[in-house]
Amino acid sequence: MKEWYASPGTRVEVLLDGYIVDLLQDGRLVEIQTRNFAALKQKVFALAQRHPVRLIYPVAQEKWIVKLASDGTETVSRRKSPKRGRVEEVFGELVSFPELLSKGNFSLEVLLIQEEEIRRFDGARRWRRGGWVTHERRLLGVTACKVFETPADAAALVPAPLAEPFTTSELAAAIGIRRNLAQKMAYCLRKMGAIREEGRRRGGILYRRVGNAA
């Protein structure tokens, strides 16, 4: 992923302010994180105080599962996963520091990618996936990207036709995502000031867009 994102002149693995940064590109710090934003919280907050920071989050829109024999030389099978990732999945991680998007100097870029997940057989770990263990992930291509620079960019994912006030159940149905992901999305949008709570009803907390989210 670093090789794909880097452009001519990009510096890789740079020591800055006591942290190793994935990429330094045109004066901007770039961090690539596939999961566990919580582990980056202190680092990102510290760096964003003095530098523009962009966090890259790849989501597998399409994935192929490749199984290799234990020696790693022979492909046993290759199948396409029925799961399709989507941009909204970033909110499952952004709950660690949603307010940062409203502070300036920080932006988020979600990449929708195609990848292969390479699994190798390990007889000693039969308790997990019948012994098939993820060995590596290979980037095949990037199909789309979505950049979030302000809370308004994130709020734009709330469908315009969704009537207000709305619950997370209604948000989930309007977008076509799981309710627990819609709950995390609503939490993030509220923390960054893009929506606000407006009472409750039987279906849960009610939310309304904040018109001046910037």
Protein backbone atom coordinates (compact mmCIF):
# COMPACT_ATOMS: atom_id res chain seq x y z
CA MET A 1 0.00 0.00 0.00
CA LYS A 2 2.84 2.42 0.78
CA GLU A 3 4.37 1.74 -2.62
CA TRP A 4 1.03 2.36 -4.35
CA TYR A 5 0.33 5.62 -2.52
CA ALA A 6 3.81 7.09 -2.73
CA SER A 7 4.61 9.53 -5.54
CA PRO A 8 8.01 10.74 -6.82
CA GLY A 9 9.75 12.64 -4.04
CA THR A 10 7.81 10.93 -1.24
CA ARG A 11 9.92 9.96 1.77
CA VAL A 12 9.15 6.64 3.45
CA GLU A 13 9.44 5.73 7.16
CA VAL A 14 10.41 9.21 8.38
CA LEU A 15 11.32 9.96 12.00
CA LEU A 16 9.50 13.14 13.04
CA ASP A 17 8.73 14.53 16.51
CA GLY A 18 9.65 11.20 18.05
CA TYR A 19 7.37 9.12 15.79
CA ILE A 20 7.99 7.01 12.70
CA VAL A 21 5.67 8.29 9.97
CA ASP A 22 4.74 6.04 7.04
CA LEU A 23 5.10 8.71 4.35
CA LEU A 24 6.09 12.37 4.06
CA GLN A 25 4.49 13.66 0.88
CA ASP A 26 4.47 17.29 -0.28
CA GLY A 27 4.77 18.54 3.30
CA ARG A 28 1.95 16.31 4.56
CA LEU A 29 2.32 13.31 6.85
CA VAL A 30 0.57 10.16 5.65
CA GLU A 31 -0.30 7.23 7.89
CA ILE A 32 -1.78 4.00 6.50
CA GLN A 33 -3.83 1.96 8.95
CA THR A 34 -5.90 -1.12 8.13
CA ARG A 35 -7.42 -1.52 11.60
CA ASN A 36 -7.21 -0.43 15.25
CA PHE A 37 -7.27 3.36 15.01
CA ALA A 38 -7.11 3.40 18.83
CA ALA A 39 -3.44 2.41 18.64
CA LEU A 40 -2.76 5.55 16.57
CA LYS A 41 -4.67 8.05 18.70
CA GLN A 42 -1.77 9.52 20.68
CA LYS A 43 0.49 9.63 17.63
CA VAL A 44 -2.05 11.29 15.33
CA PHE A 45 -3.14 13.85 17.94
CA ALA A 46 0.48 14.80 18.65
CA LEU A 47 1.52 15.11 15.00
CA ALA A 48 -1.60 17.03 13.98
CA GLN A 49 -0.71 19.76 16.46
CA ARG A 50 2.19 20.80 14.24
CA HIS A 51 1.75 19.16 10.84
CA PRO A 52 -0.99 18.36 8.32
CA VAL A 53 -1.80 14.66 8.70
CA ARG A 54 -3.75 12.36 6.40
CA LEU A 55 -4.87 8.94 7.60
CA ILE A 56 -5.41 6.33 4.88
CA TYR A 57 -7.90 3.54 5.57
CA PRO A 58 -8.18 0.78 2.93
CA VAL A 59 -11.45 -1.16 2.75
CA ALA A 60 -11.71 -4.36 0.71
CA GLN A 61 -14.59 -3.74 -1.68
CA GLU A 62 -13.70 -7.01 -3.39
CA LYS A 63 -11.64 -9.82 -1.94
CA TRP A 64 -10.39 -13.15 -3.18
CA ILE A 65 -9.44 -15.87 -0.70
CA VAL A 66 -6.38 -17.80 -1.88
CA LYS A 67 -5.43 -20.98 -0.04
CA LEU A 68 -1.87 -22.27 -0.33
CA ALA A 69 -0.50 -25.63 0.68
CA SER A 70 1.60 -25.69 3.85
CA ASP A 71 4.82 -25.34 1.82
CA GLY A 72 3.47 -22.10 0.33
CA THR A 73 4.18 -23.09 -3.27
CA GLU A 74 0.92 -24.63 -4.47
CA THR A 75 -2.45 -22.90 -4.74
CA VAL A 76 -5.16 -25.15 -3.34
CA SER A 77 -8.08 -22.87 -4.17
CA ARG A 78 -9.05 -19.30 -5.04
CA ARG A 79 -12.57 -17.98 -4.46
CA LYS A 80 -14.22 -14.59 -4.32
CA SER A 81 -15.58 -13.54 -0.94
CA PRO A 82 -19.29 -12.60 -0.98
CA LYS A 83 -18.57 -9.71 1.40
CA ARG A 84 -18.28 -6.25 -0.15
CA GLY A 85 -16.70 -3.49 1.88
CA ARG A 86 -17.99 0.08 1.78
CA VAL A 87 -16.88 3.55 2.81
CA GLU A 88 -19.08 3.68 5.92
CA GLU A 89 -17.00 0.95 7.55
CA VAL A 90 -14.49 3.63 8.51
CA PHE A 91 -16.83 4.77 11.30
CA GLY A 92 -16.21 1.47 13.07
CA GLU A 93 -12.64 2.66 13.59
CA LEU A 94 -13.15 6.42 13.73
CA VAL A 95 -14.96 6.08 17.08
CA SER A 96 -11.47 6.28 18.62
CA PHE A 97 -11.06 9.98 17.70
CA PRO A 98 -13.98 11.38 15.65
CA GLU A 99 -13.55 14.91 17.01
CA LEU A 100 -10.17 15.24 15.29
CA LEU A 101 -11.86 15.81 11.93
CA SER A 102 -13.29 19.08 13.23
CA LYS A 103 -9.96 20.44 14.52
CA GLY A 104 -8.22 21.14 11.22
CA ASN A 105 -4.82 19.82 10.09
CA PHE A 106 -6.29 16.29 9.89
CA SER A 107 -7.97 14.52 7.00
CA LEU A 108 -9.08 10.98 6.32
CA GLU A 109 -9.03 9.07 3.05
CA VAL A 110 -10.90 5.81 2.55
CA LEU A 111 -9.64 3.65 -0.30
CA LEU A 112 -11.93 1.00 -1.75
CA ILE A 113 -9.61 -1.74 -2.89
CA GLN A 114 -9.43 -5.15 -4.50
CA GLU A 115 -7.20 -7.58 -2.67
CA GLU A 116 -6.17 -11.18 -2.25
CA GLU A 117 -6.09 -12.66 1.22
CA ILE A 118 -3.45 -15.38 1.22
CA ARG A 119 -4.02 -18.23 3.65
CA ARG A 120 -1.68 -21.10 4.41
CA PHE A 121 -2.49 -24.36 6.13
CA ASP A 122 -1.09 -24.78 9.63
CA GLY A 123 -1.98 -28.14 11.15
CA ALA A 124 -1.06 -26.90 14.63
CA ARG A 125 -3.86 -24.32 14.48
CA ARG A 126 -6.80 -26.46 13.42
CA TRP A 127 -9.00 -24.65 15.93
CA ARG A 128 -8.99 -21.58 13.69
CA ARG A 129 -10.66 -21.81 10.27
CA GLY A 130 -9.84 -25.48 10.15
CA GLY A 131 -6.13 -24.71 10.21
CA TRP A 132 -6.12 -22.00 7.51
CA VAL A 133 -4.22 -18.95 8.74
CA THR A 134 -3.99 -15.57 7.00
CA HIS A 135 -0.41 -15.22 5.79
CA GLU A 136 -0.53 -11.91 3.89
CA ARG A 137 -2.77 -9.55 1.94
CA ARG A 138 -1.96 -8.49 -1.61
CA LEU A 139 -3.25 -5.28 -3.14
CA LEU A 140 -4.68 -5.88 -6.61
CA GLY A 141 -6.07 -2.43 -7.28
CA VAL A 142 -7.84 0.67 -5.98
CA THR A 143 -11.35 1.18 -7.34
CA ALA A 144 -12.37 4.42 -5.61
CA CYS A 145 -11.47 6.82 -2.83
CA LYS A 146 -13.38 9.16 -0.54
CA VAL A 147 -11.67 12.05 1.24
CA PHE A 148 -12.99 13.56 4.47
CA GLU A 149 -11.50 16.95 5.34
CA THR A 150 -14.38 18.42 7.36
CA PRO A 151 -17.37 17.15 9.38
CA ALA A 152 -19.57 18.20 6.45
CA ASP A 153 -17.78 15.66 4.25
CA ALA A 154 -18.71 12.91 6.71
CA ALA A 155 -22.26 14.20 7.13
CA ALA A 156 -22.72 13.96 3.35
CA LEU A 157 -22.94 10.18 3.76
CA VAL A 158 -26.31 10.64 5.47
CA PRO A 159 -28.80 10.29 2.59
CA ALA A 160 -30.50 13.61 1.79
CA PRO A 161 -34.00 12.04 1.56
CA LEU A 162 -33.77 10.69 5.14
CA ALA A 163 -36.44 12.54 7.11
CA GLU A 164 -35.48 14.30 10.34
CA PRO A 165 -35.28 13.60 13.14
CA PHE A 166 -34.07 10.05 12.52
CA THR A 167 -32.95 7.06 14.57
CA THR A 168 -29.95 4.86 13.92
CA SER A 169 -32.34 2.13 12.74
CA GLU A 170 -33.68 4.51 10.10
CA LEU A 171 -30.16 5.61 9.19
CA ALA A 172 -29.09 1.97 8.79
CA ALA A 173 -32.07 1.20 6.57
CA ALA A 174 -31.54 4.30 4.42
CA ILE A 175 -27.88 3.50 3.76
CA GLY A 176 -28.11 -0.30 3.77
CA ILE A 177 -25.72 -0.99 6.65
CA ARG A 178 -25.95 -2.86 9.96
CA ARG A 179 -27.52 -0.96 12.83
CA ASN A 180 -24.44 -1.31 15.04
CA LEU A 181 -22.38 0.39 12.32
CA ALA A 182 -25.04 3.10 11.99
CA GLN A 183 -24.79 3.65 15.75
CA LYS A 184 -21.03 4.17 15.45
CA MET A 185 -21.57 6.47 12.49
CA ALA A 186 -24.06 8.56 14.48
CA TYR A 187 -21.67 8.70 17.43
CA CYS A 188 -18.85 9.97 15.21
CA LEU A 189 -21.03 12.55 13.47
CA ARG A 190 -22.32 13.81 16.81
CA LYS A 191 -18.84 14.09 18.33
CA MET A 192 -17.58 16.08 15.34
CA GLY A 193 -20.62 18.38 15.45
CA ALA A 194 -22.30 17.26 12.22
CA ILE A 195 -25.51 16.00 13.88
CA ARG A 196 -27.10 16.56 17.27
CA GLU A 197 -29.39 14.58 19.55
CA GLU A 198 -33.01 15.69 19.62
CA GLY A 199 -34.87 13.64 22.21
CA ARG A 200 -35.93 10.04 22.09
CA ARG A 201 -38.73 7.87 20.90
CA ARG A 202 -39.44 4.19 21.19
CA GLY A 203 -37.03 3.36 18.39
CA GLY A 204 -34.12 5.07 20.15
CA ILE A 205 -32.31 8.41 20.21
CA LEU A 206 -33.38 10.95 17.60
CA TYR A 207 -30.82 12.87 15.54
CA ARG A 208 -30.91 15.96 13.36
CA ARG A 209 -28.31 17.37 10.99
CA VAL A 210 -26.42 20.49 12.04
CA GLY A 211 -26.65 22.87 9.12
CA ASN A 212 -23.37 24.68 9.73
CA ALA A 213 -21.12 21.62 10.07
CA ALA A 214 -17.83 22.73 8.57
